[in-house]
Protein backbone atom coordinates (compact mmCIF):
# COMPACT_ATOMS: atom_id res chain seq x y z
CA ASP A 1 -0.16 -0.12 0.20
CA VAL A 2 0.99 3.54 -0.43
CA LEU A 3 -0.17 6.68 1.24
CA PRO A 4 -0.19 10.19 -0.08
CA GLU A 5 2.33 12.33 1.41
CA PHE A 6 0.31 14.43 4.36
CA THR A 7 0.70 17.45 6.19
CA GLU A 8 0.80 18.78 9.56
CA PRO A 9 -2.59 20.91 10.86
CA GLY A 10 -1.18 24.79 9.49
CA ASP A 11 -1.45 27.68 11.66
CA GLY A 12 -4.85 28.86 12.65
CA PRO A 13 -7.40 27.72 15.00
CA ARG A 14 -8.31 23.71 15.44
CA GLY A 15 -11.80 22.28 15.20
CA PRO A 16 -14.05 21.34 18.19
CA ALA A 17 -14.51 17.42 18.71
CA THR A 18 -17.35 16.52 16.53
CA THR A 19 -20.10 14.09 15.12
CA LEU A 20 -22.20 13.47 12.35
CA ILE A 21 -24.69 11.04 11.90
CA GLY A 22 -23.14 9.16 14.66
CA LEU A 23 -19.25 9.43 13.83
CA ALA A 24 -16.35 11.44 14.72
CA PRO A 25 -14.32 12.26 11.64
CA ALA A 26 -10.80 11.61 12.86
CA ARG A 27 -11.75 9.13 15.39
CA SER A 28 -14.15 6.46 14.21
CA THR A 29 -12.81 3.46 13.15
CA TYR A 30 -13.00 1.08 10.44
CA ALA A 31 -14.58 -1.21 12.24
CA GLU A 32 -16.67 0.99 13.98
CA VAL A 33 -18.54 2.59 11.28
CA GLN A 34 -18.72 -0.89 9.40
CA ALA A 35 -20.38 -1.71 12.98
CA TRP A 36 -22.51 1.53 12.49
CA ILE A 37 -23.70 0.65 9.04
CA ALA A 38 -24.43 -2.63 10.19
CA LYS A 39 -26.62 -1.53 12.97
CA LYS A 40 -28.60 1.07 10.87
CA GLY A 41 -29.03 -1.55 8.05
CA LEU A 42 -27.10 0.30 5.32
CA SER A 43 -26.13 -1.07 2.14
CA CYS A 44 -22.89 0.27 1.06
CA LYS A 45 -20.45 0.23 -1.61
CA ASP A 46 -16.89 0.65 -1.71
CA THR A 47 -16.51 2.75 -4.71
CA SER A 48 -12.75 3.51 -4.58
CA PRO A 49 -10.09 3.26 -7.64
CA ARG A 50 -9.05 -0.13 -5.83
CA ALA A 51 -12.09 -1.48 -5.50
CA LEU A 52 -13.03 -0.29 -9.28
CA MET A 53 -10.17 -1.84 -10.29
CA ALA A 54 -11.09 -5.29 -8.20
CA ASP A 55 -14.60 -5.31 -10.25
CA MET A 56 -13.62 -4.69 -13.37
CA ARG A 57 -11.12 -8.10 -12.97
CA ASP A 58 -13.74 -9.93 -11.54
CA LYS A 59 -16.17 -9.35 -14.25
CA GLN A 60 -13.63 -9.71 -16.70
CA VAL A 61 -12.69 -13.55 -15.60
CA ALA A 62 -16.47 -14.02 -15.08
CA LYS A 63 -16.18 -13.21 -18.87
CA MET A 64 -13.52 -15.50 -19.60
CA ARG A 65 -14.75 -18.30 -17.85
CA GLU A 66 -17.90 -18.35 -19.70
CA ALA A 67 -15.96 -18.09 -22.97
CA GLU A 68 -13.94 -21.01 -21.97
CA ALA A 69 -17.05 -23.08 -21.18
CA LYS A 70 -18.15 -22.39 -24.56
CA GLY A 71 -14.97 -23.65 -26.53
CA ASP A 72 -14.52 -19.69 -27.11
CA ALA A 73 -10.33 -19.75 -27.10
CA ASP A 74 -10.49 -16.53 -27.80
CA GLY A 75 -12.23 -15.01 -25.56
CA ALA A 76 -11.18 -17.30 -22.55
CA SER A 77 -7.58 -15.48 -23.07
CA GLY A 78 -6.05 -12.29 -23.38
CA ALA A 79 -6.66 -9.40 -21.13
CA SER A 80 -2.78 -9.12 -19.43
CA TRP A 81 -4.14 -6.09 -17.77
CA LEU A 82 -5.59 -8.20 -15.44
CA TYR A 83 -2.09 -9.47 -13.88
CA ARG A 84 -0.53 -5.96 -13.77
CA VAL A 85 -0.53 -3.65 -10.41
CA THR A 86 -1.64 -0.44 -11.39
CA GLU A 87 -1.37 3.05 -9.28
CA TYR A 88 -4.86 2.39 -8.14
CA ASP A 89 -4.19 -1.32 -6.74
CA LYS A 90 -1.77 0.56 -4.48
CA GLN A 91 -3.92 3.07 -3.21
CA PRO A 92 -5.50 1.90 0.03
CA GLY A 93 -8.26 4.37 0.19
CA VAL A 94 -11.68 3.39 0.83
CA ARG A 95 -15.03 5.32 -0.07
CA LEU A 96 -18.25 3.79 0.95
CA ALA A 97 -21.00 5.19 -0.99
CA CYS A 98 -24.61 4.27 0.19
CA GLU A 99 -27.73 4.79 -1.65
CA ASP A 100 -31.18 5.28 -0.83
CA VAL A 101 -30.58 6.10 3.01
CA ALA A 102 -33.89 6.88 4.72
CA LEU A 103 -32.40 10.54 6.70
CA ASP A 104 -35.05 10.34 9.61
CA LYS A 105 -33.55 7.39 10.55
CA LEU A 106 -30.21 8.36 10.92
CA GLY A 107 -30.49 9.14 14.76
CA ASP A 108 -28.16 12.26 14.84
CA ARG A 109 -31.17 14.86 15.02
CA GLU A 110 -34.58 15.45 13.69
CA ARG A 111 -34.40 15.34 9.86
CA PRO A 112 -37.16 15.10 7.06
CA ALA A 113 -38.67 12.06 5.86
CA HIS A 114 -36.12 11.91 2.50
CA THR A 115 -34.24 9.39 1.43
CA GLY A 116 -29.98 10.64 0.12
CA ARG A 117 -26.90 9.32 -0.29
CA LEU A 118 -23.60 8.84 2.36
CA LEU A 119 -20.25 8.94 1.77
CA LEU A 120 -17.86 7.80 3.97
CA ILE A 121 -13.79 8.20 3.30
CA PHE A 122 -11.08 6.75 4.86
CA ASP A 123 -7.59 7.15 3.65
CA SER A 124 -7.22 3.64 4.82
CA LYS A 125 -9.05 0.85 6.74
CA ALA A 126 -5.94 1.72 9.30
CA LEU A 127 -6.48 5.34 9.67
CA PRO A 128 -9.66 6.96 10.85
CA LEU A 129 -12.33 8.44 8.78
CA ARG A 130 -11.74 11.35 7.37
CA HIS A 131 -14.70 12.48 5.60
CA ILE A 132 -18.66 12.25 6.26
CA ALA A 133 -20.81 13.59 3.63
CA VAL A 134 -24.36 13.63 3.60
CA GLN A 135 -26.11 14.47 0.36
CA ARG A 136 -30.17 14.85 -0.62
CA HIS A 137 -31.83 16.10 -3.45
CA TYR A 138 -35.63 17.64 -3.75
CA GLN A 139 -37.52 18.72 -6.89
CA ALA A 140 -38.00 21.99 -8.25
CA THR A 141 -41.42 21.49 -6.59
CA GLU A 142 -39.63 21.20 -2.97
CA GLN A 143 -38.28 24.61 -2.28
CA ALA A 144 -40.00 25.22 0.76
CA ALA A 145 -38.68 21.42 2.50
CA ALA A 146 -35.25 22.32 0.95
CA ARG A 147 -35.25 25.28 2.30
CA ALA A 148 -36.45 23.86 5.88
CA ASP A 149 -33.50 21.53 5.86
CA PHE A 150 -30.45 24.07 4.63
CA LEU A 151 -31.69 25.94 7.91
CA ALA A 152 -31.74 22.86 10.54
CA THR A 153 -28.77 21.69 9.21
CA GLU A 154 -27.17 25.31 9.21
CA ALA A 155 -28.45 25.44 12.65
CA ALA A 156 -27.18 21.66 13.54
CA LEU A 157 -23.65 22.47 12.14
CA THR A 158 -23.41 26.04 13.84
CA ALA A 159 -24.20 24.41 17.14
CA ALA A 160 -21.75 22.02 16.71
CA LEU A 161 -18.81 24.24 15.00
CA GLY A 162 -19.48 27.56 15.82
CA LYS A 163 -20.22 30.31 13.91
CA PRO A 164 -19.47 29.61 9.59
CA THR A 165 -16.31 31.35 9.07
CA GLU A 166 -17.34 31.41 5.09
CA VAL A 167 -21.27 32.90 4.04
CA ARG A 168 -22.00 32.72 0.23
CA THR A 169 -25.17 33.91 -0.77
CA GLU A 170 -28.58 34.39 1.84
CA VAL A 171 -30.97 31.76 1.85
CA PRO A 172 -34.32 33.03 -0.05
CA ALA A 173 -37.45 34.69 2.31
CA GLU A 174 -39.99 32.08 3.17
CA GLY A 175 -41.98 31.92 -0.15
CA ALA A 176 -39.22 32.58 -1.73
CA GLU A 177 -37.25 30.86 -4.75
CA PHE A 178 -33.80 29.38 -4.69
CA VAL A 179 -31.85 31.47 -8.09
CA MET A 180 -30.72 29.07 -10.80
CA LEU A 181 -27.39 27.94 -10.61
CA LYS A 182 -26.16 30.70 -7.71
CA PRO A 183 -25.40 28.27 -4.71
CA VAL A 184 -25.95 29.18 -1.18
CA ARG A 185 -23.38 27.88 1.21
CA ARG A 186 -21.82 28.18 4.66
CA ASP A 187 -18.21 26.78 5.48
CA TRP A 188 -16.67 26.18 8.67
CA LYS A 189 -12.94 26.47 7.95
CA PHE A 190 -10.04 25.01 10.82
CA ALA A 191 -6.77 23.96 10.07
CA ASP A 192 -7.54 20.48 11.08
CA LEU A 193 -11.63 20.40 10.24
CA GLN A 194 -13.80 21.67 7.95
CA GLY A 195 -17.48 21.72 7.57
CA LYS A 196 -19.83 22.37 4.80
CA VAL A 197 -23.43 22.77 4.08
CA SER A 198 -24.31 23.85 0.46
CA ILE A 199 -26.98 23.72 -1.69
CA LEU A 200 -27.52 24.76 -5.55
CA ARG A 201 -30.55 24.55 -8.01
CA LEU A 202 -30.57 22.71 -10.95
CA ASN A 203 -32.75 22.24 -14.10
CA HIS A 204 -33.83 19.15 -12.26
CA GLY A 205 -34.17 20.30 -8.76
CA LEU A 206 -32.06 21.28 -5.75
CA SER A 207 -28.92 19.56 -4.64
CA LEU A 208 -28.05 19.36 -0.79
CA PHE A 209 -24.60 18.63 0.63
CA GLU A 210 -23.90 18.56 4.18
CA GLU A 211 -20.39 17.35 5.07
CA VAL A 212 -17.93 17.36 8.09
CA GLY A 213 -13.98 16.15 7.73
CA VAL A 214 -10.17 16.81 7.59
CA PRO A 215 -9.46 19.41 5.29
CA TRP A 216 -6.63 17.55 2.64
CA PRO A 217 -4.11 16.68 2.55
CA VAL A 218 -3.84 17.08 6.82
CA ARG A 219 -2.79 14.24 8.33
CA VAL A 220 -5.85 12.40 9.73
CA GLY A 221 -5.60 11.02 12.97
CA ALA A 222 -5.37 12.71 16.12
CA ALA A 223 -8.92 13.96 17.41
CA PRO A 224 -9.39 17.33 17.26
CA THR A 225 -8.45 20.02 19.84
CA ALA A 226 -11.10 22.30 20.65
CA VAL A 227 -10.28 26.01 20.04
CA PRO A 228 -12.82 29.07 19.89
CA ALA A 229 -13.78 29.87 15.93
CA PRO A 230 -14.11 33.51 14.82
CA ALA A 231 -16.66 35.40 16.02
CA GLU A 232 -18.15 36.59 13.42
CA ALA A 233 -18.36 35.02 9.43
CA THR A 234 -16.53 36.53 6.51
CA PRO A 235 -18.63 36.84 3.76
CA ALA A 236 -17.50 35.60 0.40
CA ALA A 237 -16.07 37.65 -2.72
CA PRO A 238 -18.20 38.57 -4.80
CA GLU A 239 -18.32 35.96 -7.78
CA LYS A 240 -17.32 37.12 -11.04
CA ALA A 241 -20.21 37.21 -14.21
CA ALA A 242 -19.39 35.27 -16.72
CA PRO A 243 -17.57 36.60 -19.73
C-alpha cells in the first residue's frame, strides 16, 4: 500500500471534536463505521479506485470463464491487464457510498422523511475516518422543504462548530425560490477540520450537501483540539460574472 504524503495542520484555530450522523471524523475507526452501517441496516459499496479495479477484474474473469465453457479460445485468453499492478491497486483508500438512505432514521437529530446518499471516506482501513458527506435531492416543486432542510442543517452545524467562517449567498425569504445556478453555502474552516452545507438549484431540482471532515491533505489520526471559532463570519468574495 502507498499512502499519499500528508501534512500537519497549519496555523490557525483547531476545530472542536464533533460528530455527524453519529460518526466522528478523525476518530471513528473502520471497524466502528462498519458496525454502525450494520446497525442502521444500510447497503454501502466501496467505490474507491482499488475497489473499482477489483470489480473490473472480477467481471473480466467471469467473461473469460464463460467463454472457456463455450469453447471460445479467443474470449478465454488475453486481458493481460488482469495481472498488472496499477497505481490504483496501490491506493489503500476506501470510499463507502450508501444509497437510498432514510435520513430520518440516522438518529443524530430530527431530519426530514427524505432519502439521500452517504459517502464515508478513509485514507486506509488502518486510519480513522476522514470525511462524512450526506447528499439529498429535492424536486423543483419542493422549494420550501429544501429551504427548511438547509436552515436546520446550518443550525446543527453552527451548534457543533460555532458560527460559519464563510457565508456565500443568503437563503431566499420564506415563499421565495432559490436562484438557478447560484449556490447558497456556509463553510466552517479550521486547521484540522472543515464543515460545509450547500444547496444548488439545477434544472432537475435542488441538491443539498452536508459535510464534515479533515481537510485534504492534512493527516488524519489525532482527535481535533477545541479552540474557539472566529466570532464573525466572513462573507465570500463576490462571484465574477461569466464573460
